[in-house]
């Protein structure tokens, strides 16, 4: 297994990591490993693409059959408040 040394951590950050680890019932070292794992796993290609494509991916397989248009550079009309 590889080791990583992180120098010059603020005491406040170290204390916050320690409290977070206690809340999760693990050591501070394990908590840091889990945080790093999640951070690396979030960098997946699934987060790329335009909003319509991402929405279609999220709801694929549950009945969304129509394609969603990608709206580029279209202005938003302000809401009218008629009295």
C-alpha atoms as a PDB file:
ATOM      1  CA  UNK A   1       0.000   0.000   0.000  1.00  0.00           C
ATOM      2  CA  UNK A   2       1.154   3.516  -0.768  1.00  0.00           C
ATOM      3  CA  UNK A   3       1.478   6.239   1.816  1.00  0.00           C
ATOM      4  CA  UNK A   4       0.809   9.941   1.480  1.00  0.00           C
ATOM      5  CA  UNK A   5       2.048  12.563   3.903  1.00  0.00           C
ATOM      6  CA  UNK A   6       0.183  15.851   4.076  1.00  0.00           C
ATOM      7  CA  UNK A   7       2.139  18.619   5.724  1.00  0.00           C
ATOM      8  CA  UNK A   8       1.064  21.998   7.078  1.00  0.00           C
ATOM      9  CA  UNK A   9      -2.560  21.149   7.893  1.00  0.00           C
ATOM     10  CA  UNK A  10      -4.262  23.805   9.960  1.00  0.00           C
ATOM     11  CA  UNK A  11      -5.066  22.637  13.478  1.00  0.00           C
ATOM     12  CA  UNK A  12      -8.719  23.547  12.897  1.00  0.00           C
ATOM     13  CA  UNK A  13      -8.856  21.273   9.851  1.00  0.00           C
ATOM     14  CA  UNK A  14      -7.205  18.422  11.721  1.00  0.00           C
ATOM     15  CA  UNK A  15      -9.651  18.821  14.614  1.00  0.00           C
ATOM     16  CA  UNK A  16     -12.607  18.900  12.205  1.00  0.00           C
ATOM     17  CA  UNK A  17     -11.385  15.695  10.528  1.00  0.00           C
ATOM     18  CA  UNK A  18     -11.024  14.053  13.927  1.00  0.00           C
ATOM     19  CA  UNK A  19     -14.587  15.041  14.939  1.00  0.00           C
ATOM     20  CA  UNK A  20     -15.940  13.844  11.593  1.00  0.00           C
ATOM     21  CA  UNK A  21     -14.174  10.495  12.019  1.00  0.00           C
ATOM     22  CA  UNK A  22     -15.633  10.111  15.515  1.00  0.00           C
ATOM     23  CA  UNK A  23     -19.138  10.799  14.157  1.00  0.00           C
ATOM     24  CA  UNK A  24     -18.608   8.080  11.541  1.00  0.00           C
ATOM     25  CA  UNK A  25     -17.101   5.667  14.059  1.00  0.00           C
ATOM     26  CA  UNK A  26     -13.694   5.321  12.441  1.00  0.00           C
ATOM     27  CA  UNK A  27     -10.148   6.563  12.781  1.00  0.00           C
ATOM     28  CA  UNK A  28      -9.101   9.896  11.346  1.00  0.00           C
ATOM     29  CA  UNK A  29      -6.858   8.037   8.906  1.00  0.00           C
ATOM     30  CA  UNK A  30      -9.767   5.919   7.633  1.00  0.00           C
ATOM     31  CA  UNK A  31     -11.957   9.017   7.365  1.00  0.00           C
ATOM     32  CA  UNK A  32      -9.343  10.710   5.161  1.00  0.00           C
ATOM     33  CA  UNK A  33      -9.121   7.562   2.993  1.00  0.00           C
ATOM     34  CA  UNK A  34     -12.900   7.578   2.520  1.00  0.00           C
ATOM     35  CA  UNK A  35     -12.941  11.286   1.658  1.00  0.00           C
ATOM     36  CA  UNK A  36     -10.185  10.785  -0.920  1.00  0.00           C
ATOM     37  CA  UNK A  37     -11.958   7.725  -2.389  1.00  0.00           C
ATOM     38  CA  UNK A  38     -15.208   9.665  -2.802  1.00  0.00           C
ATOM     39  CA  UNK A  39     -13.417  12.656  -4.328  1.00  0.00           C
ATOM     40  CA  UNK A  40     -11.677  10.509  -6.925  1.00  0.00           C
ATOM     41  CA  UNK A  41     -14.796   8.477  -7.737  1.00  0.00           C
ATOM     42  CA  UNK A  42     -16.830  11.652  -8.336  1.00  0.00           C
ATOM     43  CA  UNK A  43     -14.587  12.479 -11.280  1.00  0.00           C
ATOM     44  CA  UNK A  44     -16.426  10.206 -13.693  1.00  0.00           C
ATOM     45  CA  UNK A  45     -17.397  10.969 -17.286  1.00  0.00           C
ATOM     46  CA  UNK A  46     -21.046  10.865 -16.199  1.00  0.00           C
ATOM     47  CA  UNK A  47     -20.751  14.469 -15.034  1.00  0.00           C
ATOM     48  CA  UNK A  48     -19.873  15.685 -18.528  1.00  0.00           C
ATOM     49  CA  UNK A  49     -22.377  16.752 -21.124  1.00  0.00           C
ATOM     50  CA  UNK A  50     -25.102  19.298 -21.298  1.00  0.00           C
ATOM     51  CA  UNK A  51     -28.000  19.488 -18.898  1.00  0.00           C
ATOM     52  CA  UNK A  52     -30.526  17.807 -21.193  1.00  0.00           C
ATOM     53  CA  UNK A  53     -28.148  14.904 -21.818  1.00  0.00           C
ATOM     54  CA  UNK A  54     -27.440  14.513 -18.111  1.00  0.00           C
ATOM     55  CA  UNK A  55     -31.172  14.518 -17.296  1.00  0.00           C
ATOM     56  CA  UNK A  56     -31.807  11.904 -19.993  1.00  0.00           C
ATOM     57  CA  UNK A  57     -28.973   9.731 -18.598  1.00  0.00           C
ATOM     58  CA  UNK A  58     -30.335   9.996 -15.090  1.00  0.00           C
ATOM     59  CA  UNK A  59     -33.829   8.888 -16.112  1.00  0.00           C
ATOM     60  CA  UNK A  60     -32.806   6.338 -18.763  1.00  0.00           C
ATOM     61  CA  UNK A  61     -34.532   3.014 -18.347  1.00  0.00           C
ATOM     62  CA  UNK A  62     -37.507   4.313 -16.360  1.00  0.00           C
ATOM     63  CA  UNK A  63     -39.728   5.488 -19.177  1.00  0.00           C
ATOM     64  CA  UNK A  64     -38.184   8.704 -20.526  1.00  0.00           C
ATOM     65  CA  UNK A  65     -38.285   7.971 -24.248  1.00  0.00           C
ATOM     66  CA  UNK A  66     -38.550  11.454 -25.790  1.00  0.00           C
ATOM     67  CA  UNK A  67     -35.345  13.363 -26.376  1.00  0.00           C
ATOM     68  CA  UNK A  68     -34.823  16.548 -24.412  1.00  0.00           C
ATOM     69  CA  UNK A  69     -33.808  19.587 -26.444  1.00  0.00           C
ATOM     70  CA  UNK A  70     -30.532  21.298 -25.619  1.00  0.00           C
ATOM     71  CA  UNK A  71     -31.274  25.007 -25.312  1.00  0.00           C
ATOM     72  CA  UNK A  72     -28.179  27.059 -25.971  1.00  0.00           C
ATOM     73  CA  UNK A  73     -28.000  30.796 -25.341  1.00  0.00           C
ATOM     74  CA  UNK A  74     -31.720  31.347 -25.115  1.00  0.00           C
ATOM     75  CA  UNK A  75     -32.832  34.168 -22.885  1.00  0.00           C
ATOM     76  CA  UNK A  76     -35.214  33.651 -20.028  1.00  0.00           C
ATOM     77  CA  UNK A  77     -38.437  35.589 -20.155  1.00  0.00           C
ATOM     78  CA  UNK A  78     -39.251  37.281 -16.861  1.00  0.00           C
ATOM     79  CA  UNK A  79     -42.388  36.193 -15.078  1.00  0.00           C
ATOM     80  CA  UNK A  80     -45.346  38.524 -15.428  1.00  0.00           C
ATOM     81  CA  UNK A  81     -47.194  39.605 -12.314  1.00  0.00           C
ATOM     82  CA  UNK A  82     -50.514  40.891 -13.588  1.00  0.00           C
ATOM     83  CA  UNK A  83     -52.787  42.536 -11.095  1.00  0.00           C
END
